[in-house]
Structures are given as C-alpha cells and as structure tokens.
Protein backbone atom coordinates (compact mmCIF):
# COMPACT_ATOMS: atom_id res chain seq x y z
CA MET A 1 15.44 -7.99 -9.92
CA ALA A 2 14.96 -11.43 -8.38
CA ALA A 3 18.61 -11.78 -7.36
CA ASN A 4 18.63 -8.38 -5.71
CA PHE A 5 15.32 -9.04 -3.98
CA TRP A 6 16.45 -12.27 -2.33
CA THR A 7 19.40 -10.48 -0.70
CA SER A 8 17.47 -7.32 0.18
CA SER A 9 16.18 -5.97 3.47
CA HIS A 10 12.70 -6.17 1.93
CA TYR A 11 12.96 -9.95 1.60
CA LYS A 12 14.36 -10.29 5.12
CA GLN A 13 11.43 -8.29 6.49
CA LEU A 14 8.65 -10.30 4.84
CA LEU A 15 6.08 -11.30 7.45
CA GLU A 16 3.46 -13.97 7.91
CA GLN A 17 -0.10 -12.67 7.57
CA GLU A 18 -0.79 -13.36 11.24
CA ASP A 19 2.15 -11.11 12.16
CA VAL A 20 0.71 -8.29 10.04
CA ASP A 21 -2.76 -8.67 11.53
CA VAL A 22 -1.63 -7.79 15.05
CA LEU A 23 -3.27 -4.96 16.94
CA HIS A 24 -1.12 -2.83 19.20
CA PRO A 25 -2.35 -2.86 22.84
CA LEU A 26 -2.81 0.94 22.76
CA ASP A 27 -5.14 0.62 19.76
CA LYS A 28 -7.03 -2.24 21.39
CA ASP A 29 -7.59 -0.01 24.41
CA LYS A 30 -9.29 2.49 22.07
CA GLY A 31 -11.68 -0.22 20.90
CA ILE A 32 -10.03 -0.63 17.51
CA THR A 33 -10.83 -4.01 15.97
CA LEU A 34 -8.83 -5.86 13.33
CA GLU A 35 -11.45 -4.82 10.78
CA ASP A 36 -11.06 -1.16 11.85
CA PHE A 37 -7.28 -1.52 11.57
CA LYS A 38 -7.53 -2.77 7.98
CA LEU A 39 -10.10 -0.13 7.04
CA ILE A 40 -7.95 2.72 8.33
CA LYS A 41 -4.89 1.45 6.46
CA MET A 42 -6.90 1.11 3.26
CA HIS A 43 -8.31 4.62 3.70
CA MET A 44 -4.81 6.00 4.22
CA ALA A 45 -3.53 4.17 1.14
CA ASN A 46 -6.29 5.92 -0.82
CA TYR A 47 -5.35 9.20 0.87
CA ILE A 48 -1.73 8.79 -0.27
CA CYS A 49 -2.94 8.14 -3.83
CA LYS A 50 -5.15 11.22 -3.76
CA LEU A 51 -2.34 13.39 -2.44
CA ALA A 52 0.10 11.95 -5.00
CA GLN A 53 -2.25 12.91 -7.82
CA CYS A 54 -2.15 16.50 -6.58
CA ILE A 55 1.62 16.72 -6.42
CA LYS A 56 2.09 14.58 -9.55
CA VAL A 57 4.56 11.88 -8.56
CA ARG A 58 5.17 8.50 -10.19
CA GLN A 59 3.17 5.41 -9.23
CA ARG A 60 6.33 3.84 -7.84
CA VAL A 61 6.55 6.65 -5.25
CA VAL A 62 2.94 6.01 -4.25
CA ALA A 63 3.58 2.27 -3.91
CA THR A 64 6.69 2.84 -1.80
CA ALA A 65 4.83 5.31 0.43
CA VAL A 66 1.99 2.85 1.02
CA ALA A 67 4.49 0.07 1.78
CA TYR A 68 6.18 2.33 4.35
CA MET A 69 2.85 3.21 5.95
CA ARG A 70 1.81 -0.42 6.22
CA ARG A 71 5.21 -1.45 7.56
CA VAL A 72 5.10 1.27 10.23
CA TYR A 73 1.87 -0.16 11.61
CA THR A 74 3.36 -3.62 12.04
CA ARG A 75 5.55 -1.98 14.70
CA LYS A 76 3.78 1.13 15.97
CA SER A 77 0.29 1.99 17.17
CA MET A 78 -2.12 4.28 15.38
CA THR A 79 -2.83 5.87 18.73
CA GLU A 80 0.73 7.20 18.95
CA TYR A 81 1.43 7.49 15.21
CA ASP A 82 -1.55 9.42 13.85
CA PRO A 83 -2.41 7.95 10.42
CA ARG A 84 -3.34 11.39 9.07
CA LEU A 85 0.23 12.52 9.63
CA VAL A 86 1.97 9.21 8.90
CA ALA A 87 0.37 8.88 5.43
CA PRO A 88 1.59 12.19 3.94
CA THR A 89 4.95 11.85 5.69
CA CYS A 90 5.44 8.42 4.12
CA LEU A 91 4.76 10.01 0.73
CA TYR A 92 7.31 12.73 1.49
CA LEU A 93 9.91 10.14 2.53
CA ALA A 94 9.15 7.87 -0.44
CA SER A 95 9.61 10.78 -2.85
CA LYS A 96 13.16 11.14 -1.54
CA ALA A 97 13.89 7.41 -1.56
CA GLU A 98 12.65 7.12 -5.15
CA GLU A 99 14.54 10.27 -6.23
CA SER A 100 11.40 12.25 -7.02
CA THR A 101 11.74 14.70 -4.15
CA VAL A 102 8.71 16.76 -3.23
CA GLN A 103 9.08 19.93 -1.17
CA ALA A 104 7.44 19.72 2.24
CA ARG A 105 5.72 23.09 1.77
CA LEU A 106 4.08 21.83 -1.45
CA LEU A 107 2.89 18.74 0.38
CA VAL A 108 1.39 20.84 3.17
CA PHE A 109 -0.28 23.12 0.61
CA TYR A 110 -2.11 20.17 -0.95
CA LEU A 111 -2.88 18.67 2.45
CA ARG A 112 -4.83 21.82 3.20
CA LYS A 113 -6.57 21.69 -0.18
CA LEU A 114 -7.60 18.08 0.47
CA CYS A 115 -9.23 19.17 3.71
CA ALA A 116 -11.93 20.74 1.51
CA ASP A 117 -12.76 17.25 0.19
CA GLU A 118 -15.65 15.76 2.17
CA LYS A 119 -13.95 12.37 2.43
CA TYR A 120 -10.74 13.88 3.80
CA ARG A 121 -12.21 16.76 5.78
CA TYR A 122 -10.31 16.63 9.04
CA ASP A 123 -10.60 18.62 12.24
CA GLU A 124 -8.44 21.77 12.44
CA LYS A 125 -5.96 20.15 14.81
CA TYR A 126 -5.09 17.59 12.13
CA ARG A 127 -4.07 20.20 9.56
CA TYR A 128 -0.36 19.69 9.86
CA GLU A 129 2.53 22.10 9.29
CA ILE A 130 5.95 21.52 7.70
CA LYS A 131 7.56 21.00 11.11
CA ASP A 132 5.07 18.21 11.87
CA ILE A 133 6.01 16.41 8.63
CA LEU A 134 9.73 16.74 9.35
CA GLU A 135 9.37 15.52 12.94
CA MET A 136 7.29 12.53 11.90
CA GLU A 137 9.77 11.74 9.14
CA MET A 138 12.42 11.01 11.76
CA LYS A 139 10.03 8.81 13.73
CA ILE A 140 9.09 6.85 10.61
CA LEU A 141 12.74 6.37 9.64
CA GLU A 142 13.35 4.90 13.09
CA ALA A 143 10.23 2.71 12.87
CA LEU A 144 11.47 1.38 9.52
CA ASN A 145 14.92 0.73 11.00
CA TYR A 146 16.16 3.01 8.19
CA TYR A 147 15.45 0.28 5.60
CA LEU A 148 13.95 2.24 2.71
CA VAL A 149 14.37 -0.07 -0.30
CA VAL A 150 11.09 -1.57 -1.48
CA PHE A 151 10.78 -3.98 -4.41
CA HIS A 152 7.50 -3.71 -6.29
CA PRO A 153 5.69 -6.08 -8.69
CA TYR A 154 5.71 -3.59 -11.59
CA ARG A 155 9.09 -4.48 -13.08
CA ALA A 156 8.46 -8.20 -12.80
CA LEU A 157 5.00 -7.65 -14.28
CA SER A 158 6.38 -6.03 -17.44
CA GLN A 159 8.96 -8.76 -17.91
CA LEU A 160 6.48 -11.58 -17.29
CA LEU A 161 3.83 -10.15 -19.62
CA GLN A 162 6.42 -9.93 -22.37
CA ASP A 163 7.61 -13.47 -21.71
CA ALA A 164 4.03 -14.75 -21.88
CA ALA A 165 3.32 -12.72 -25.05
CA LEU A 166 0.51 -10.99 -23.17
CA ASN A 167 1.95 -7.48 -23.33
CA ASP A 168 -0.85 -5.97 -25.40
CA ILE A 169 -2.43 -2.75 -24.14
CA ASN A 170 -5.54 -4.47 -22.79
CA MET A 171 -3.66 -6.98 -20.61
CA THR A 172 -1.03 -4.44 -19.58
CA GLN A 173 -3.63 -1.97 -18.35
CA LEU A 174 -5.69 -4.63 -16.58
CA THR A 175 -2.76 -6.25 -14.78
CA TRP A 176 -1.23 -2.86 -13.89
CA GLY A 177 -4.55 -1.82 -12.36
CA LEU A 178 -4.72 -5.07 -10.40
CA VAL A 179 -1.21 -4.51 -9.03
CA ASN A 180 -2.17 -0.95 -8.02
CA ASP A 181 -5.12 -2.34 -6.07
CA THR A 182 -2.93 -4.82 -4.17
CA TYR A 183 -1.57 -1.84 -2.23
CA LYS A 184 -5.01 -1.51 -0.63
CA MET A 185 -4.07 -4.76 1.10
CA ASP A 186 -0.97 -5.91 3.00
CA LEU A 187 0.28 -8.22 0.23
CA ILE A 188 3.54 -6.29 -0.26
CA LEU A 189 4.50 -7.06 3.36
CA VAL A 190 3.82 -10.78 3.03
CA HIS A 191 4.63 -11.99 -0.49
CA PRO A 192 7.59 -11.61 -2.89
CA PRO A 193 6.72 -9.03 -5.58
CA HIS A 194 7.06 -11.47 -8.51
CA LEU A 195 4.38 -13.73 -6.98
CA ILE A 196 2.03 -10.75 -6.64
CA ALA A 197 2.67 -9.93 -10.31
CA LEU A 198 1.98 -13.54 -11.31
CA ALA A 199 -1.28 -13.56 -9.32
CA CYS A 200 -2.42 -10.44 -11.18
CA ILE A 201 -1.55 -12.06 -14.53
CA TYR A 202 -3.41 -15.20 -13.45
CA ILE A 203 -6.57 -13.21 -12.62
CA ALA A 204 -6.33 -11.14 -15.81
CA SER A 205 -5.82 -14.22 -17.99
CA VAL A 206 -8.97 -15.80 -16.54
CA LEU A 207 -10.97 -12.58 -16.99
CA ARG A 208 -9.75 -12.18 -20.59
CA GLU A 209 -10.02 -15.93 -21.33
CA LYS A 210 -6.32 -16.32 -22.13
CA ASP A 211 -4.97 -19.86 -21.79
CA THR A 212 -1.78 -19.46 -19.74
CA THR A 213 -1.68 -22.99 -18.28
CA ALA A 214 1.36 -24.14 -20.28
CA TRP A 215 3.20 -20.88 -19.61
CA PHE A 216 2.69 -21.12 -15.86
CA GLU A 217 3.87 -24.75 -15.92
CA GLU A 218 7.09 -23.71 -17.66
CA LEU A 219 7.79 -21.15 -14.92
CA HIS A 220 7.96 -23.86 -12.23
CA VAL A 221 6.47 -21.50 -9.65
CA ASP A 222 4.42 -22.46 -6.63
CA MET A 223 0.95 -22.28 -8.19
CA ASN A 224 -0.69 -22.78 -4.82
CA ALA A 225 0.93 -19.54 -3.66
CA VAL A 226 -0.12 -17.75 -6.87
CA LYS A 227 -3.71 -18.98 -6.54
CA ASN A 228 -3.86 -18.10 -2.84
CA ILE A 229 -2.75 -14.53 -3.56
CA SER A 230 -5.28 -14.39 -6.39
CA MET A 231 -8.04 -15.43 -4.00
CA GLU A 232 -6.97 -12.74 -1.51
CA ILE A 233 -7.26 -10.12 -4.25
CA LEU A 234 -10.66 -11.38 -5.42
CA ASP A 235 -11.93 -11.59 -1.83
CA PHE A 236 -10.85 -7.99 -1.34
CA TYR A 237 -12.85 -6.87 -4.37
CA GLU A 238 -15.89 -8.74 -3.09
CA ASN A 239 -15.63 -7.24 0.40
CA HIS A 240 -14.63 -3.79 -0.86
CA ARG A 241 -18.12 -3.27 -2.25
CA MET A 242 -19.51 -3.28 1.28
CA ILE A 243 -17.11 -0.65 2.63
CA THR A 244 -18.73 2.74 3.14
CA ASP A 245 -17.23 6.08 4.18
CA ASP A 246 -19.31 5.85 7.35
CA ARG A 247 -17.51 2.65 8.37
CA VAL A 248 -14.13 4.31 7.86
CA ILE A 249 -15.21 7.40 9.82
CA ALA A 250 -16.49 5.19 12.63
CA ALA A 251 -13.14 3.36 12.77
CA LEU A 252 -11.17 6.62 12.83
CA SER A 253 -13.42 8.07 15.51
CA LYS A 254 -12.27 5.33 17.90
CA LEU A 255 -8.82 6.91 17.77
CA ASN A 256 -10.39 10.19 18.90
CA LEU A 257 -9.56 11.59 15.47
CA LYS A 258 -12.67 13.48 14.47
CA ALA A 259 -13.45 12.94 10.80
C-alpha cells in the first residue's frame, strides 16, 4: 500500500491545510465564511453517509465519495457546484471507481426519499433527476482532473493493529469508528492515509489505556505529525458538540439554497 501511495496521484495532490481552507471568491460574495464552508462540507459528508446506508454500499465507497466531494471544493465554488447535487453525484462516481456500481435511478429514488427527512428536506428545485446526476458527473470528473484513485487509512489500520497486537474487537471497532469520523474533516486531503490510521490508533490506545510507546518508537514515524493529527481529531469532537442543524441551515441559506 505504502509503495503504491507514494507514486500515486493521491500523494501528488496532497495539500497544505491553508490551501484547503481557501474560499472561492464567488462563495465569499455570498457571505460564506470559512466556518460556513467547513460546516457545509461536513453536512454533505453526513448526507453521503445517509444516502449510502439507503443504497447499501461499502464504507470504502462512502470514503471515496467524501474525498471526491472535498477535493472538488478545493477547486470549485459551492455557488456554481451545488453541494446538494455534488454530494450524491460523488457517491455515484465513487461507486463506479470502487467497482460497486449503483444505478442512477436508484440513487435518485433514495434522494427523493431523503427529502422526507427533516434534516435533508430540500426545496423542490433541488430534487434532482437522473440527467442532473449524469451532467454533474462529467463536471466532477473534470474538476478532479480525472484522477479517481483514493488511498484510505482502512487497509493500513488493519495491518498496523495486527502488528501492534491490538486487533481485538474492542480496539478494531473503536479505531475504525475514529477513521470514519476523520472524513467529517479534510484530513484525507492533507495527510498520508497511514498517518491518519496511526493517529486513530494513538487516540484509541490512550482511551483504552494501552501502552503503545515502545511500538510507536519501533515504527520510526514522525510522532509530531501523528500527535498533531490526533489533536485535530480531538478538537473536532470538542467543537462538533456545538454544531446545530440551525447553524448548517444558516450556512446553506447564504448560497440561496433554501433548506
């Protein structure tokens, strides 16, 4: 995995955090703040997860879809690329890339069903058709420069847990859940996947009072990077408690997208 990653388009496209946290001028003109920008992306990551549960695709497809969505918004504005269309289209594209193809009509069927959910109840004009998904798919492919391979922390996580003799059910479930939550942030655009996996193991080992000091020393990894990622994850959990649906709706309303 590591050898392939270091020669991949994913590695070549890793960004600095300050390059991810850049607002497009069109979004700024709408009054979107950096906080709004992050909230909308997090909401759409949750939306992708919710939709994926309906159509029953693997977690890897969800992770790839969220990575696509986040990558799109490092290059395109939310004003021009409506998040409510980009999110499901990224899931549709990811299902193809990960060889778990979902039919567009099935996706649209569940999009309509989700509109009955209070949190995802969108105005009529945002209830998209198959042709809208297919048209946006081409725009997203172009925005991604047709680079569709995404490396995720999951494979490294399994290997590292086994190596550390921490692959019991409790640690596996906890670390897997932590990795899932990293997709609510932009970590996959900034850090190599094995470092994200290590940060999740580091957090889990502290929470479960497992002494992994010697194991981490043997790995010869940059522990400052691991600890910094860990702090980002923990900070997210702390701040996530203060995020309400009203704040998300207020952010979306600035795009003239009635929630």
